PDB file of N, CA and C in Angstrom:
ATOM      1  N   MET A   1     -54.997 -26.928 -28.759  1.00  0.00           N
ATOM      2  CA  MET A   1     -53.932 -27.555 -28.032  1.00  0.00           C
ATOM      3  C   MET A   1     -54.416 -27.741 -26.601  1.00  0.00           C
ATOM      4  N   ASN A   2     -54.173 -28.916 -26.034  1.00  0.00           N
ATOM      5  CA  ASN A   2     -54.566 -29.149 -24.660  1.00  0.00           C
ATOM      6  C   ASN A   2     -53.594 -30.093 -23.973  1.00  0.00           C
ATOM      7  N   ASP A   3     -53.684 -30.130 -22.630  1.00  0.00           N
ATOM      8  CA  ASP A   3     -52.816 -31.033 -21.883  1.00  0.00           C
ATOM      9  C   ASP A   3     -53.506 -32.387 -21.734  1.00  0.00           C
ATOM     10  N   HIS A   4     -52.861 -33.307 -21.049  1.00  0.00           N
ATOM     11  CA  HIS A   4     -53.378 -34.668 -20.926  1.00  0.00           C
ATOM     12  C   HIS A   4     -54.715 -34.747 -20.193  1.00  0.00           C
ATOM     13  N   SER A   5     -55.053 -33.723 -19.414  1.00  0.00           N
ATOM     14  CA  SER A   5     -56.335 -33.723 -18.699  1.00  0.00           C
ATOM     15  C   SER A   5     -57.442 -33.054 -19.515  1.00  0.00           C
ATOM     16  N   GLY A   6     -57.089 -32.517 -20.697  1.00  0.00           N
ATOM     17  CA  GLY A   6     -58.068 -31.855 -21.553  1.00  0.00           C
ATOM     18  C   GLY A   6     -58.134 -30.355 -21.385  1.00  0.00           C
ATOM     19  N   ARG A   7     -57.364 -29.799 -20.446  1.00  0.00           N
ATOM     20  CA  ARG A   7     -57.351 -28.350 -20.234  1.00  0.00           C
ATOM     21  C   ARG A   7     -56.651 -27.663 -21.404  1.00  0.00           C
ATOM     22  N   GLU A   8     -57.277 -26.601 -21.921  1.00  0.00           N
ATOM     23  CA  GLU A   8     -56.731 -25.887 -23.070  1.00  0.00           C
ATOM     24  C   GLU A   8     -55.447 -25.172 -22.695  1.00  0.00           C
ATOM     25  N   ILE A   9     -54.480 -25.217 -23.602  1.00  0.00           N
ATOM     26  CA  ILE A   9     -53.213 -24.506 -23.447  1.00  0.00           C
ATOM     27  C   ILE A   9     -53.168 -23.429 -24.528  1.00  0.00           C
ATOM     28  N   ASN A  10     -53.026 -22.189 -24.121  1.00  0.00           N
ATOM     29  CA  ASN A  10     -52.975 -21.079 -25.069  1.00  0.00           C
ATOM     30  C   ASN A  10     -51.569 -20.933 -25.634  1.00  0.00           C
ATOM     31  N   ALA A  11     -51.518 -20.695 -26.940  1.00  0.00           N
ATOM     32  CA  ALA A  11     -50.233 -20.485 -27.602  1.00  0.00           C
ATOM     33  C   ALA A  11     -50.461 -19.648 -28.848  1.00  0.00           C
ATOM     34  N   ASN A  12     -49.436 -18.915 -29.222  1.00  0.00           N
ATOM     35  CA  ASN A  12     -49.442 -18.199 -30.490  1.00  0.00           C
ATOM     36  C   ASN A  12     -48.783 -19.109 -31.517  1.00  0.00           C
ATOM     37  N   VAL A  13     -49.423 -19.270 -32.663  1.00  0.00           N
ATOM     38  CA  VAL A  13     -48.937 -20.174 -33.697  1.00  0.00           C
ATOM     39  C   VAL A  13     -48.599 -19.366 -34.940  1.00  0.00           C
ATOM     40  N   SER A  14     -47.425 -19.623 -35.506  1.00  0.00           N
ATOM     41  CA  SER A  14     -47.054 -18.980 -36.762  1.00  0.00           C
ATOM     42  C   SER A  14     -46.370 -20.016 -37.654  1.00  0.00           C
ATOM     43  N   VAL A  15     -46.371 -19.736 -38.942  1.00  0.00           N
ATOM     44  CA  VAL A  15     -45.736 -20.613 -39.918  1.00  0.00           C
ATOM     45  C   VAL A  15     -44.638 -19.822 -40.611  1.00  0.00           C
ATOM     46  N   ASN A  16     -43.455 -20.412 -40.664  1.00  0.00           N
ATOM     47  CA  ASN A  16     -42.307 -19.790 -41.314  1.00  0.00           C
ATOM     48  C   ASN A  16     -41.737 -20.821 -42.286  1.00  0.00           C
ATOM     49  N   GLY A  17     -42.168 -20.731 -43.541  1.00  0.00           N
ATOM     50  CA  GLY A  17     -41.725 -21.720 -44.528  1.00  0.00           C
ATOM     51  C   GLY A  17     -42.265 -23.085 -44.156  1.00  0.00           C
ATOM     52  N   SER A  18     -41.373 -24.032 -43.874  1.00  0.00           N
ATOM     53  CA  SER A  18     -41.793 -25.384 -43.518  1.00  0.00           C
ATOM     54  C   SER A  18     -41.838 -25.602 -42.003  1.00  0.00           C
ATOM     55  N   GLN A  19     -41.668 -24.535 -41.233  1.00  0.00           N
ATOM     56  CA  GLN A  19     -41.675 -24.647 -39.775  1.00  0.00           C
ATOM     57  C   GLN A  19     -42.970 -24.108 -39.196  1.00  0.00           C
ATOM     58  N   ILE A  20     -43.497 -24.821 -38.201  1.00  0.00           N
ATOM     59  CA  ILE A  20     -44.624 -24.340 -37.402  1.00  0.00           C
ATOM     60  C   ILE A  20     -44.045 -23.947 -36.057  1.00  0.00           C
ATOM     61  N   ILE A  21     -44.271 -22.705 -35.651  1.00  0.00           N
ATOM     62  CA  ILE A  21     -43.692 -22.195 -34.410  1.00  0.00           C
ATOM     63  C   ILE A  21     -44.801 -21.989 -33.392  1.00  0.00           C
ATOM     64  N   LEU A  22     -44.662 -22.630 -32.234  1.00  0.00           N
ATOM     65  CA  LEU A  22     -45.614 -22.498 -31.129  1.00  0.00           C
ATOM     66  C   LEU A  22     -44.934 -21.723 -30.010  1.00  0.00           C
ATOM     67  N   MET A  23     -45.524 -20.605 -29.626  1.00  0.00           N
ATOM     68  CA  MET A  23     -44.998 -19.825 -28.508  1.00  0.00           C
ATOM     69  C   MET A  23     -46.080 -19.807 -27.438  1.00  0.00           C
ATOM     70  N   PHE A  24     -45.819 -20.483 -26.340  1.00  0.00           N
ATOM     71  CA  PHE A  24     -46.797 -20.611 -25.278  1.00  0.00           C
ATOM     72  C   PHE A  24     -46.914 -19.307 -24.502  1.00  0.00           C
ATOM     73  N   THR A  25     -48.150 -18.916 -24.183  1.00  0.00           N
ATOM     74  CA  THR A  25     -48.393 -17.653 -23.490  1.00  0.00           C
ATOM     75  C   THR A  25     -48.154 -17.761 -21.991  1.00  0.00           C
ATOM     76  N   GLN A  26     -48.112 -18.971 -21.464  1.00  0.00           N
ATOM     77  CA  GLN A  26     -47.834 -19.227 -20.055  1.00  0.00           C
ATOM     78  C   GLN A  26     -46.805 -20.345 -19.961  1.00  0.00           C
ATOM     79  N   PRO A  27     -46.026 -20.388 -18.888  1.00  0.00           N
ATOM     80  CA  PRO A  27     -45.066 -21.487 -18.734  1.00  0.00           C
ATOM     81  C   PRO A  27     -45.784 -22.842 -18.689  1.00  0.00           C
ATOM     82  N   ILE A  28     -45.157 -23.837 -19.257  1.00  0.00           N
ATOM     83  CA  ILE A  28     -45.662 -25.204 -19.231  1.00  0.00           C
ATOM     84  C   ILE A  28     -44.833 -25.972 -18.212  1.00  0.00           C
ATOM     85  N   THR A  29     -45.496 -26.647 -17.295  1.00  0.00           N
ATOM     86  CA  THR A  29     -44.807 -27.414 -16.258  1.00  0.00           C
ATOM     87  C   THR A  29     -43.991 -28.534 -16.899  1.00  0.00           C
ATOM     88  N   PRO A  30     -42.712 -28.672 -16.523  1.00  0.00           N
ATOM     89  CA  PRO A  30     -41.904 -29.769 -17.080  1.00  0.00           C
ATOM     90  C   PRO A  30     -42.603 -31.112 -16.863  1.00  0.00           C
ATOM     91  N   GLY A  31     -42.548 -31.958 -17.879  1.00  0.00           N
ATOM     92  CA  GLY A  31     -43.169 -33.276 -17.810  1.00  0.00           C
ATOM     93  C   GLY A  31     -44.617 -33.303 -18.279  1.00  0.00           C
ATOM     94  N   THR A  32     -45.196 -32.126 -18.563  1.00  0.00           N
ATOM     95  CA  THR A  32     -46.575 -32.062 -19.045  1.00  0.00           C
ATOM     96  C   THR A  32     -46.649 -32.616 -20.458  1.00  0.00           C
ATOM     97  N   LYS A  33     -47.599 -33.500 -20.699  1.00  0.00           N
ATOM     98  CA  LYS A  33     -47.835 -34.017 -22.042  1.00  0.00           C
ATOM     99  C   LYS A  33     -48.900 -33.158 -22.690  1.00  0.00           C
ATOM    100  N   ILE A  34     -48.650 -32.728 -23.933  1.00  0.00           N
ATOM    101  CA  ILE A  34     -49.616 -31.887 -24.636  1.00  0.00           C
ATOM    102  C   ILE A  34     -50.058 -32.566 -25.927  1.00  0.00           C
ATOM    103  N   ASN A  35     -51.274 -32.273 -26.331  1.00  0.00           N
ATOM    104  CA  ASN A  35     -51.838 -32.759 -27.582  1.00  0.00           C
ATOM    105  C   ASN A  35     -51.945 -31.574 -28.530  1.00  0.00           C
ATOM    106  N   ILE A  36     -51.418 -31.724 -29.729  1.00  0.00           N
ATOM    107  CA  ILE A  36     -51.459 -30.666 -30.728  1.00  0.00           C
ATOM    108  C   ILE A  36     -52.155 -31.230 -31.963  1.00  0.00           C
ATOM    109  N   GLU A  37     -53.244 -30.595 -32.360  1.00  0.00           N
ATOM    110  CA  GLU A  37     -53.958 -31.005 -33.564  1.00  0.00           C
ATOM    111  C   GLU A  37     -53.470 -30.166 -34.734  1.00  0.00           C
ATOM    112  N   LEU A  38     -52.994 -30.841 -35.765  1.00  0.00           N
ATOM    113  CA  LEU A  38     -52.526 -30.157 -36.969  1.00  0.00           C
ATOM    114  C   LEU A  38     -53.592 -30.331 -38.043  1.00  0.00           C
ATOM    115  N   ASN A  39     -54.479 -29.356 -38.139  1.00  0.00           N
ATOM    116  CA  ASN A  39     -55.549 -29.394 -39.125  1.00  0.00           C
ATOM    117  C   ASN A  39     -55.121 -28.655 -40.380  1.00  0.00           C
ATOM    118  N   ASP A  40     -55.434 -29.223 -41.524  1.00  0.00           N
ATOM    119  CA  ASP A  40     -55.122 -28.618 -42.828  1.00  0.00           C
ATOM    120  C   ASP A  40     -53.631 -28.358 -43.011  1.00  0.00           C
ATOM    121  N   ILE A  41     -52.806 -29.250 -42.483  1.00  0.00           N
ATOM    122  CA  ILE A  41     -51.354 -29.143 -42.624  1.00  0.00           C
ATOM    123  C   ILE A  41     -50.871 -30.344 -43.425  1.00  0.00           C
ATOM    124  N   ARG A  42     -50.130 -30.087 -44.486  1.00  0.00           N
ATOM    125  CA  ARG A  42     -49.545 -31.178 -45.273  1.00  0.00           C
ATOM    126  C   ARG A  42     -48.137 -31.415 -44.748  1.00  0.00           C
ATOM    127  N   ARG A  43     -47.889 -32.622 -44.258  1.00  0.00           N
ATOM    128  CA  ARG A  43     -46.580 -32.947 -43.697  1.00  0.00           C
ATOM    129  C   ARG A  43     -45.891 -33.959 -44.601  1.00  0.00           C
ATOM    130  N   THR A  44     -44.641 -33.713 -44.939  1.00  0.00           N
ATOM    131  CA  THR A  44     -43.865 -34.650 -45.732  1.00  0.00           C
ATOM    132  C   THR A  44     -42.791 -35.318 -44.888  1.00  0.00           C
ATOM    133  N   GLY A  45     -42.574 -34.837 -43.696  1.00  0.00           N
ATOM    134  CA  GLY A  45     -41.569 -35.388 -42.793  1.00  0.00           C
ATOM    135  C   GLY A  45     -41.336 -34.436 -41.654  1.00  0.00           C
ATOM    136  N   VAL A  46     -40.849 -34.948 -40.572  1.00  0.00           N
ATOM    137  CA  VAL A  46     -40.553 -34.114 -39.412  1.00  0.00           C
ATOM    138  C   VAL A  46     -39.048 -34.028 -39.298  1.00  0.00           C
ATOM    139  N   GLN A  47     -38.525 -32.804 -39.377  1.00  0.00           N
ATOM    140  CA  GLN A  47     -37.087 -32.624 -39.286  1.00  0.00           C
ATOM    141  C   GLN A  47     -36.637 -32.396 -37.848  1.00  0.00           C
ATOM    142  N   ARG A  48     -37.390 -31.559 -37.132  1.00  0.00           N
ATOM    143  CA  ARG A  48     -36.947 -31.189 -35.790  1.00  0.00           C
ATOM    144  C   ARG A  48     -38.122 -30.627 -35.033  1.00  0.00           C
ATOM    145  N   ILE A  49     -38.201 -30.961 -33.777  1.00  0.00           N
ATOM    146  CA  ILE A  49     -39.218 -30.374 -32.902  1.00  0.00           C
ATOM    147  C   ILE A  49     -38.469 -29.672 -31.781  1.00  0.00           C
ATOM    148  N   ALA A  50     -38.748 -28.390 -31.609  1.00  0.00           N
ATOM    149  CA  ALA A  50     -38.097 -27.627 -30.552  1.00  0.00           C
ATOM    150  C   ALA A  50     -39.175 -26.911 -29.761  1.00  0.00           C
ATOM    151  N   LEU A  51     -39.155 -27.078 -28.454  1.00  0.00           N
ATOM    152  CA  LEU A  51     -40.083 -26.358 -27.578  1.00  0.00           C
ATOM    153  C   LEU A  51     -39.346 -25.178 -26.981  1.00  0.00           C
ATOM    154  N   VAL A  52     -39.927 -23.999 -27.154  1.00  0.00           N
ATOM    155  CA  VAL A  52     -39.293 -22.771 -26.665  1.00  0.00           C
ATOM    156  C   VAL A  52     -40.134 -22.184 -25.563  1.00  0.00           C
TER     157      VAL A  52
END
């Protein structure tokens, strides 16, 4: 996971059924765009995205 400038963003990732949960280890500045690579994940649809 990285921001728009390519700087790595640390997060703890867990899977709970059909949900992928990202918990960031440091605050993310509002308005920051992040890139998330989903490798080896089968997606059938996106129900909801929540940033915590």
